[in-house]
Amino acid sequence: MGGEDDGLRDYHGKRDFGRTGEPAGDGAPGAGGEPRFVVQIHDASTLHFDFRLQVADVLKSWSVPKGPSADPRDKRLAVPTEDHPLEYEEFEGVIPAGEYGGGTVIVWDRGTYEPLSHDRRGRPVDFAESLARGHARFRLHGAKLHGEYALTRFRGGSDGGAGADVAWLLVKTAGGGQGRGTPDPRRARSARTGRTLARVAAEEGGE
């Protein structure tokens, strides 16, 4: 796995930081302690959720059209996107029209996670390696999402990267937590500011 500069090449190449308020990422290493996660609601060309897990010094990212669910019966499609800088965990605002991903973003949930991936003998597996192999388990400790989840690649290449033919499933594994599904994204409130998509659009859309 390359350094953050390599990991963020696609991210930087898609954005004009003179126009968008998204963080460029300063290359600073992540703080110690448990790795972070964030789930953002993104009202772009399509309304979707973005699920991001800190792996080393970047946020590995997936677009989840229907959003993560606390109901183990729900199997959510998750399409990998480019890595994002760690600072993106805080990003909430309006990406200008014409920019990549133009639209409104709120931080729906965030917190820490515990890697839980093991091999067949029960030995812990490095989380980045488990993602590269196509199956990673983890326990979320968020404001809204709690409990064990799994990401499983079911279509596409073996390198875990983004691509038109790559797709994963995000599933809450059985046991523990609430069985509720995903809330209405239009009515959902930010875990950071308490705002809805509409309020962020109204307050920041004209800036």
Protein backbone atom coordinates (compact mmCIF):
# COMPACT_ATOMS: atom_id res chain seq x y z
CA MET A 1 0.00 0.00 0.00
CA GLY A 2 1.45 3.34 -1.02
CA GLY A 3 1.69 6.50 1.01
CA GLU A 4 -1.06 9.05 1.29
CA ASP A 5 0.16 11.02 -1.72
CA ASP A 6 -0.23 7.92 -3.87
CA GLY A 7 -3.53 6.98 -2.24
CA LEU A 8 -5.02 10.43 -2.86
CA ARG A 9 -3.89 10.88 -6.47
CA ASP A 10 -7.37 10.11 -7.85
CA TYR A 11 -9.01 12.28 -5.21
CA HIS A 12 -6.82 15.28 -6.05
CA GLY A 13 -7.15 14.76 -9.79
CA LYS A 14 -10.94 15.01 -9.70
CA ARG A 15 -11.20 18.28 -7.74
CA ASP A 16 -10.44 21.98 -8.12
CA PHE A 17 -9.68 23.06 -4.56
CA GLY A 18 -9.98 26.68 -5.61
CA ARG A 19 -13.71 26.05 -6.03
CA THR A 20 -14.68 23.25 -3.66
CA GLY A 21 -14.50 23.50 0.11
CA GLU A 22 -13.54 19.85 0.41
CA PRO A 23 -10.25 19.27 2.25
CA ALA A 24 -7.18 18.75 0.10
CA GLY A 25 -5.44 16.64 2.76
CA ASP A 26 -2.10 17.77 4.14
CA GLY A 27 -0.42 14.40 4.25
CA ALA A 28 -0.35 14.33 8.05
CA PRO A 29 -0.43 10.82 9.54
CA GLY A 30 -3.52 9.73 11.39
CA ALA A 31 -3.69 10.13 15.13
CA GLY A 32 -3.16 7.13 17.35
CA GLY A 33 -5.96 5.11 18.88
CA GLU A 34 -8.75 3.23 17.20
CA PRO A 35 -9.31 3.88 13.48
CA ARG A 36 -12.16 6.16 12.50
CA PHE A 37 -15.19 5.77 10.29
CA VAL A 38 -17.68 8.24 8.85
CA VAL A 39 -20.95 7.91 6.93
CA GLN A 40 -21.96 10.93 4.88
CA ILE A 41 -25.20 11.56 2.99
CA HIS A 42 -24.43 13.04 -0.41
CA ASP A 43 -27.17 14.64 -2.50
CA ALA A 44 -25.36 14.73 -5.83
CA SER A 45 -26.59 13.51 -9.23
CA THR A 46 -28.07 10.66 -7.20
CA LEU A 47 -28.86 10.72 -3.48
CA HIS A 48 -26.65 8.19 -1.69
CA PHE A 49 -24.61 7.45 1.39
CA ASP A 50 -20.79 7.41 1.44
CA PHE A 51 -19.25 4.89 3.84
CA ARG A 52 -15.61 5.53 4.78
CA LEU A 53 -13.18 3.54 6.92
CA GLN A 54 -9.78 4.82 8.01
CA VAL A 55 -7.08 2.47 6.74
CA ALA A 56 -3.60 3.78 7.51
CA ASP A 57 -3.59 7.47 6.46
CA VAL A 58 -6.61 7.54 4.13
CA LEU A 59 -10.34 6.92 4.26
CA LYS A 60 -11.23 3.92 2.11
CA SER A 61 -14.58 4.82 0.59
CA TRP A 62 -17.68 3.16 -0.83
CA SER A 63 -20.83 4.66 -2.30
CA VAL A 64 -23.84 2.90 -0.72
CA PRO A 65 -27.01 3.88 -2.62
CA LYS A 66 -29.46 2.74 0.07
CA GLY A 67 -27.20 3.43 3.04
CA PRO A 68 -25.91 1.10 5.76
CA SER A 69 -28.60 -0.79 7.64
CA ALA A 70 -28.76 -2.07 11.22
CA ASP A 71 -30.97 -4.92 10.02
CA PRO A 72 -28.91 -8.07 9.28
CA ARG A 73 -31.45 -9.06 6.62
CA ASP A 74 -30.44 -6.08 4.45
CA LYS A 75 -27.59 -6.61 1.99
CA ARG A 76 -26.48 -3.18 0.81
CA LEU A 77 -24.65 -2.67 -2.47
CA ALA A 78 -21.38 -0.77 -1.87
CA VAL A 79 -19.39 0.52 -4.86
CA PRO A 80 -15.78 1.54 -4.10
CA THR A 81 -14.73 5.10 -4.89
CA GLU A 82 -11.41 6.90 -4.60
CA ASP A 83 -9.62 7.16 -1.25
CA HIS A 84 -10.33 10.36 0.69
CA PRO A 85 -8.12 12.29 3.16
CA LEU A 86 -8.69 11.74 6.87
CA GLU A 87 -9.90 15.34 7.18
CA TYR A 88 -12.93 14.41 5.07
CA GLU A 89 -14.52 12.98 8.22
CA GLU A 90 -15.39 16.56 9.18
CA PHE A 91 -16.60 17.73 5.78
CA GLU A 92 -20.15 19.04 5.59
CA GLY A 93 -21.31 21.58 3.06
CA VAL A 94 -22.15 22.20 -0.58
CA ILE A 95 -19.83 21.10 -3.39
CA PRO A 96 -20.33 23.63 -6.22
CA ALA A 97 -22.25 22.65 -9.34
CA GLY A 98 -19.86 21.60 -12.08
CA GLU A 99 -17.37 20.17 -9.61
CA TYR A 100 -16.95 16.41 -9.19
CA GLY A 101 -19.73 15.22 -6.88
CA GLY A 102 -21.48 18.59 -6.95
CA GLY A 103 -24.23 18.71 -4.31
CA THR A 104 -24.87 18.80 -0.57
CA VAL A 105 -23.08 16.65 2.01
CA ILE A 106 -23.86 16.02 5.70
CA VAL A 107 -22.06 13.86 8.26
CA TRP A 108 -24.76 11.34 9.15
CA ASP A 109 -22.65 9.24 11.52
CA ARG A 110 -19.06 8.93 12.67
CA GLY A 111 -17.00 7.23 15.35
CA THR A 112 -14.40 4.50 15.69
CA TYR A 113 -14.26 0.90 14.56
CA GLU A 114 -12.50 -2.29 15.61
CA PRO A 115 -11.04 -4.54 12.90
CA LEU A 116 -12.26 -8.12 13.41
CA SER A 117 -10.86 -9.95 10.38
CA HIS A 118 -9.31 -13.36 11.07
CA ASP A 119 -7.96 -16.20 8.97
CA ARG A 120 -9.34 -19.74 9.00
CA ARG A 121 -7.25 -20.55 12.07
CA GLY A 122 -8.66 -17.62 14.00
CA ARG A 123 -5.55 -15.48 13.78
CA PRO A 124 -6.01 -11.72 13.25
CA VAL A 125 -5.44 -10.48 9.70
CA ASP A 126 -4.22 -6.98 8.85
CA PHE A 127 -7.29 -4.94 7.91
CA ALA A 128 -5.85 -3.58 4.65
CA GLU A 129 -4.92 -7.15 3.70
CA SER A 130 -8.42 -8.40 4.47
CA LEU A 131 -9.88 -5.71 2.20
CA ALA A 132 -7.45 -6.68 -0.56
CA ARG A 133 -8.64 -10.28 -0.19
CA GLY A 134 -12.24 -9.13 -0.53
CA HIS A 135 -13.72 -9.76 2.93
CA ALA A 136 -13.36 -7.60 6.04
CA ARG A 137 -15.22 -7.69 9.35
CA PHE A 138 -15.35 -4.83 11.85
CA ARG A 139 -17.31 -3.48 14.81
CA LEU A 140 -18.64 0.07 14.58
CA HIS A 141 -18.85 2.44 17.55
CA GLY A 142 -20.77 5.39 16.13
CA ALA A 143 -23.41 7.84 17.27
CA LYS A 144 -25.99 5.86 15.28
CA LEU A 145 -24.37 2.67 13.98
CA HIS A 146 -23.21 0.04 16.46
CA GLY A 147 -22.19 -3.59 16.20
CA GLU A 148 -20.49 -5.91 13.77
CA TYR A 149 -20.53 -5.43 10.01
CA ALA A 150 -18.84 -7.06 7.05
CA LEU A 151 -17.76 -5.81 3.64
CA THR A 152 -17.55 -8.54 1.01
CA ARG A 153 -16.47 -8.11 -2.61
CA PHE A 154 -18.71 -10.13 -4.92
CA ARG A 155 -17.77 -8.74 -8.31
CA GLY A 156 -14.64 -7.30 -9.86
CA GLY A 157 -10.87 -7.44 -9.54
CA SER A 158 -8.79 -8.89 -6.74
CA ASP A 159 -6.93 -5.71 -5.77
CA GLY A 160 -9.80 -4.09 -3.92
CA GLY A 161 -9.53 -0.92 -5.98
CA ALA A 162 -12.26 1.16 -7.54
CA GLY A 163 -13.58 0.37 -10.98
CA ALA A 164 -16.75 0.17 -13.02
CA ASP A 165 -17.05 -3.58 -12.53
CA VAL A 166 -16.17 -3.76 -8.82
CA ALA A 167 -18.96 -4.15 -6.27
CA TRP A 168 -19.18 -5.10 -2.61
CA LEU A 169 -21.91 -5.88 -0.10
CA LEU A 170 -22.14 -4.13 3.27
CA VAL A 171 -24.06 -6.26 5.77
CA LYS A 172 -24.69 -6.10 9.51
CA THR A 173 -23.71 -9.49 10.86
CA ALA A 174 -26.14 -11.26 13.18
CA GLY A 175 -26.06 -10.55 16.90
CA GLY A 176 -26.34 -7.40 18.95
CA GLY A 177 -27.61 -3.96 18.12
CA GLN A 178 -30.92 -2.72 16.84
CA GLY A 179 -32.69 -4.18 13.83
CA ARG A 180 -33.74 -0.86 12.31
CA GLY A 181 -33.07 -0.07 8.70
CA THR A 182 -31.75 3.16 7.21
CA PRO A 183 -33.65 6.41 7.87
CA ASP A 184 -35.07 8.68 5.19
CA PRO A 185 -31.96 10.58 4.03
CA ARG A 186 -34.00 13.73 3.37
CA ARG A 187 -35.09 13.86 7.01
CA ALA A 188 -31.86 12.56 8.55
CA ARG A 189 -29.84 14.92 10.71
CA SER A 190 -26.11 15.43 10.85
CA ALA A 191 -24.26 13.79 13.75
CA ARG A 192 -21.94 16.81 13.70
CA THR A 193 -24.27 19.81 13.48
CA GLY A 194 -27.83 18.47 13.70
CA ARG A 195 -28.64 19.92 10.28
CA THR A 196 -30.58 18.27 7.45
CA LEU A 197 -29.49 18.28 3.81
CA ALA A 198 -32.01 21.01 3.06
CA ARG A 199 -30.74 23.24 5.85
CA VAL A 200 -27.11 22.87 4.79
CA ALA A 201 -28.09 23.64 1.19
CA ALA A 202 -29.98 26.75 2.29
CA GLU A 203 -27.24 28.02 4.63
CA GLU A 204 -24.21 27.27 2.50
CA GLY A 205 -25.49 26.96 -1.05
CA GLY A 206 -25.14 30.65 -1.77
CA GLU A 207 -21.57 30.97 -0.56
